[in-house]
Amino acid sequence: MLAQILLAANAEELQAAARALAARKPLIRLRALAMPLTPEDYHEAGEAGTLSVLAAAGWIILWPGTPAALAPGEAGVTTLEAGAGEQKLPVAQAALRAVTG
């Protein structure tokens, strides 16, 4: 069962994902994590209001480089290099999986 979505992206991709989600909340059973790729992306997304939109919709905002590991037996979706139990997807697809499962 899918347990986690890690949306690691630059500021523009995060903004596009936030628009595509239209403030829909992630499924309750999922950890939905948004992580700007760099400190500059973090500040840009913060100033544009993107991080506030994602946080208000229930996404957990991570500082760039924060580890986001899966527990044994969990499955996840990531926009980074996929590890064990993870599937790598483009940013928009990963964001939509958070609300569709």
C-alpha atoms as a PDB file:
ATOM      1  CA  MET A   1       0.000   0.000   0.000  1.00  0.00           C
ATOM      2  CA  LEU A   2       1.252   3.455  -0.901  1.00  0.00           C
ATOM      3  CA  ALA A   3       2.329   5.284   2.264  1.00  0.00           C
ATOM      4  CA  GLN A   4       4.358   8.316   1.174  1.00  0.00           C
ATOM      5  CA  ILE A   5       4.689  10.857  -1.622  1.00  0.00           C
ATOM      6  CA  LEU A   6       7.924  12.870  -1.783  1.00  0.00           C
ATOM      7  CA  LEU A   7       7.566  15.826  -4.123  1.00  0.00           C
ATOM      8  CA  ALA A   8      11.130  17.158  -4.446  1.00  0.00           C
ATOM      9  CA  ALA A   9      11.182  19.877  -7.084  1.00  0.00           C
ATOM     10  CA  ASN A  10      12.344  23.346  -7.998  1.00  0.00           C
ATOM     11  CA  ALA A  11      10.187  26.375  -7.155  1.00  0.00           C
ATOM     12  CA  GLU A  12       8.464  26.486 -10.559  1.00  0.00           C
ATOM     13  CA  GLU A  13       7.567  22.786 -10.471  1.00  0.00           C
ATOM     14  CA  LEU A  14       6.213  23.107  -6.927  1.00  0.00           C
ATOM     15  CA  GLN A  15       4.080  26.058  -8.023  1.00  0.00           C
ATOM     16  CA  ALA A  16       2.722  24.089 -11.000  1.00  0.00           C
ATOM     17  CA  ALA A  17       1.944  21.141  -8.729  1.00  0.00           C
ATOM     18  CA  ALA A  18       0.149  23.385  -6.233  1.00  0.00           C
ATOM     19  CA  ARG A  19      -1.969  24.846  -9.053  1.00  0.00           C
ATOM     20  CA  ALA A  20      -2.762  21.382 -10.436  1.00  0.00           C
ATOM     21  CA  LEU A  21      -3.847  20.150  -7.027  1.00  0.00           C
ATOM     22  CA  ALA A  22      -6.199  23.134  -6.630  1.00  0.00           C
ATOM     23  CA  ALA A  23      -5.921  22.901  -2.808  1.00  0.00           C
ATOM     24  CA  ARG A  24      -7.146  19.279  -2.740  1.00  0.00           C
ATOM     25  CA  LYS A  25      -5.893  17.550   0.372  1.00  0.00           C
ATOM     26  CA  PRO A  26      -3.706  14.437   0.212  1.00  0.00           C
ATOM     27  CA  LEU A  27      -5.370  11.166   1.136  1.00  0.00           C
ATOM     28  CA  ILE A  28      -5.421  10.680   4.918  1.00  0.00           C
ATOM     29  CA  ARG A  29      -3.394   7.467   4.750  1.00  0.00           C
ATOM     30  CA  LEU A  30      -0.484   9.166   2.936  1.00  0.00           C
ATOM     31  CA  ARG A  31       2.459  11.207   4.163  1.00  0.00           C
ATOM     32  CA  ALA A  32       2.636  13.958   1.556  1.00  0.00           C
ATOM     33  CA  LEU A  33       6.020  15.672   1.650  1.00  0.00           C
ATOM     34  CA  ALA A  34       7.070  18.684  -0.419  1.00  0.00           C
ATOM     35  CA  MET A  35      10.771  19.520  -0.552  1.00  0.00           C
ATOM     36  CA  PRO A  36      12.278  22.342  -2.604  1.00  0.00           C
ATOM     37  CA  LEU A  37      15.542  21.140  -4.166  1.00  0.00           C
ATOM     38  CA  THR A  38      17.717  24.033  -2.999  1.00  0.00           C
ATOM     39  CA  PRO A  39      17.573  26.756  -0.340  1.00  0.00           C
ATOM     40  CA  GLU A  40      16.994  29.239  -3.178  1.00  0.00           C
ATOM     41  CA  ASP A  41      13.986  27.207  -4.372  1.00  0.00           C
ATOM     42  CA  TYR A  42      12.710  27.115  -0.770  1.00  0.00           C
ATOM     43  CA  HIS A  43      12.863  30.903  -0.457  1.00  0.00           C
ATOM     44  CA  GLU A  44      11.398  31.483  -3.932  1.00  0.00           C
ATOM     45  CA  ALA A  45       8.513  29.087  -3.301  1.00  0.00           C
ATOM     46  CA  GLY A  46       7.953  30.669   0.101  1.00  0.00           C
ATOM     47  CA  GLU A  47       7.868  34.201  -1.275  1.00  0.00           C
ATOM     48  CA  ALA A  48       5.475  33.148  -4.055  1.00  0.00           C
ATOM     49  CA  GLY A  49       3.105  31.617  -1.483  1.00  0.00           C
ATOM     50  CA  THR A  50       3.486  28.111  -2.930  1.00  0.00           C
ATOM     51  CA  LEU A  51       4.652  26.541   0.323  1.00  0.00           C
ATOM     52  CA  SER A  52       1.740  28.122   2.193  1.00  0.00           C
ATOM     53  CA  VAL A  53      -0.734  26.702  -0.326  1.00  0.00           C
ATOM     54  CA  LEU A  54       0.764  23.219  -0.035  1.00  0.00           C
ATOM     55  CA  ALA A  55       0.948  23.397   3.776  1.00  0.00           C
ATOM     56  CA  ALA A  56      -2.677  24.565   4.020  1.00  0.00           C
ATOM     57  CA  ALA A  57      -3.687  21.565   1.896  1.00  0.00           C
ATOM     58  CA  GLY A  58      -1.930  19.205   4.321  1.00  0.00           C
ATOM     59  CA  TRP A  59       1.524  18.761   2.791  1.00  0.00           C
ATOM     60  CA  ILE A  60       4.523  18.575   5.126  1.00  0.00           C
ATOM     61  CA  ILE A  61       7.172  21.060   3.964  1.00  0.00           C
ATOM     62  CA  LEU A  62      10.775  19.848   4.251  1.00  0.00           C
ATOM     63  CA  TRP A  63      14.009  21.820   4.099  1.00  0.00           C
ATOM     64  CA  PRO A  64      16.132  20.861   1.058  1.00  0.00           C
ATOM     65  CA  GLY A  65      18.097  17.665   1.643  1.00  0.00           C
ATOM     66  CA  THR A  66      15.965  16.392   4.518  1.00  0.00           C
ATOM     67  CA  PRO A  67      15.891  12.569   4.420  1.00  0.00           C
ATOM     68  CA  ALA A  68      12.463  11.008   3.946  1.00  0.00           C
ATOM     69  CA  ALA A  69      12.777   7.259   4.494  1.00  0.00           C
ATOM     70  CA  LEU A  70      10.120   4.595   4.210  1.00  0.00           C
ATOM     71  CA  ALA A  71       9.455   2.168   7.031  1.00  0.00           C
ATOM     72  CA  PRO A  72       9.929  -1.531   6.256  1.00  0.00           C
ATOM     73  CA  GLY A  73       7.088  -2.787   4.069  1.00  0.00           C
ATOM     74  CA  GLU A  74       5.943   0.687   2.999  1.00  0.00           C
ATOM     75  CA  ALA A  75       5.706   1.817  -0.623  1.00  0.00           C
ATOM     76  CA  GLY A  76       6.265   5.348  -1.807  1.00  0.00           C
ATOM     77  CA  VAL A  77       6.419   7.658  -4.795  1.00  0.00           C
ATOM     78  CA  THR A  78       9.303  10.075  -5.260  1.00  0.00           C
ATOM     79  CA  THR A  79      10.523  12.585  -7.804  1.00  0.00           C
ATOM     80  CA  LEU A  80      14.122  11.795  -6.812  1.00  0.00           C
ATOM     81  CA  GLU A  81      16.114   8.626  -7.514  1.00  0.00           C
ATOM     82  CA  ALA A  82      13.880   5.776  -6.401  1.00  0.00           C
ATOM     83  CA  GLY A  83      15.108   3.498  -3.643  1.00  0.00           C
ATOM     84  CA  ALA A  84      13.707   0.225  -2.361  1.00  0.00           C
ATOM     85  CA  GLY A  85       9.916   0.312  -2.259  1.00  0.00           C
ATOM     86  CA  GLU A  86       9.716   3.581  -4.208  1.00  0.00           C
ATOM     87  CA  GLN A  87       8.495   4.467  -7.671  1.00  0.00           C
ATOM     88  CA  LYS A  88       9.986   7.487  -9.460  1.00  0.00           C
ATOM     89  CA  LEU A  89       7.441   9.733 -11.197  1.00  0.00           C
ATOM     90  CA  PRO A  90       7.515  13.199 -12.785  1.00  0.00           C
ATOM     91  CA  VAL A  91       6.508  16.035 -10.436  1.00  0.00           C
ATOM     92  CA  ALA A  92       2.936  16.489 -11.729  1.00  0.00           C
ATOM     93  CA  GLN A  93       2.158  12.762 -11.625  1.00  0.00           C
ATOM     94  CA  ALA A  94       3.629  12.402  -8.135  1.00  0.00           C
ATOM     95  CA  ALA A  95       1.527  15.319  -6.877  1.00  0.00           C
ATOM     96  CA  LEU A  96      -1.661  13.839  -8.295  1.00  0.00           C
ATOM     97  CA  ARG A  97      -0.924  10.439  -6.723  1.00  0.00           C
ATOM     98  CA  ALA A  98      -1.168  12.192  -3.342  1.00  0.00           C
ATOM     99  CA  VAL A  99      -4.857  12.911  -3.928  1.00  0.00           C
ATOM    100  CA  THR A 100      -5.774   9.857  -5.986  1.00  0.00           C
ATOM    101  CA  GLY A 101      -3.700   7.126  -4.328  1.00  0.00           C
END
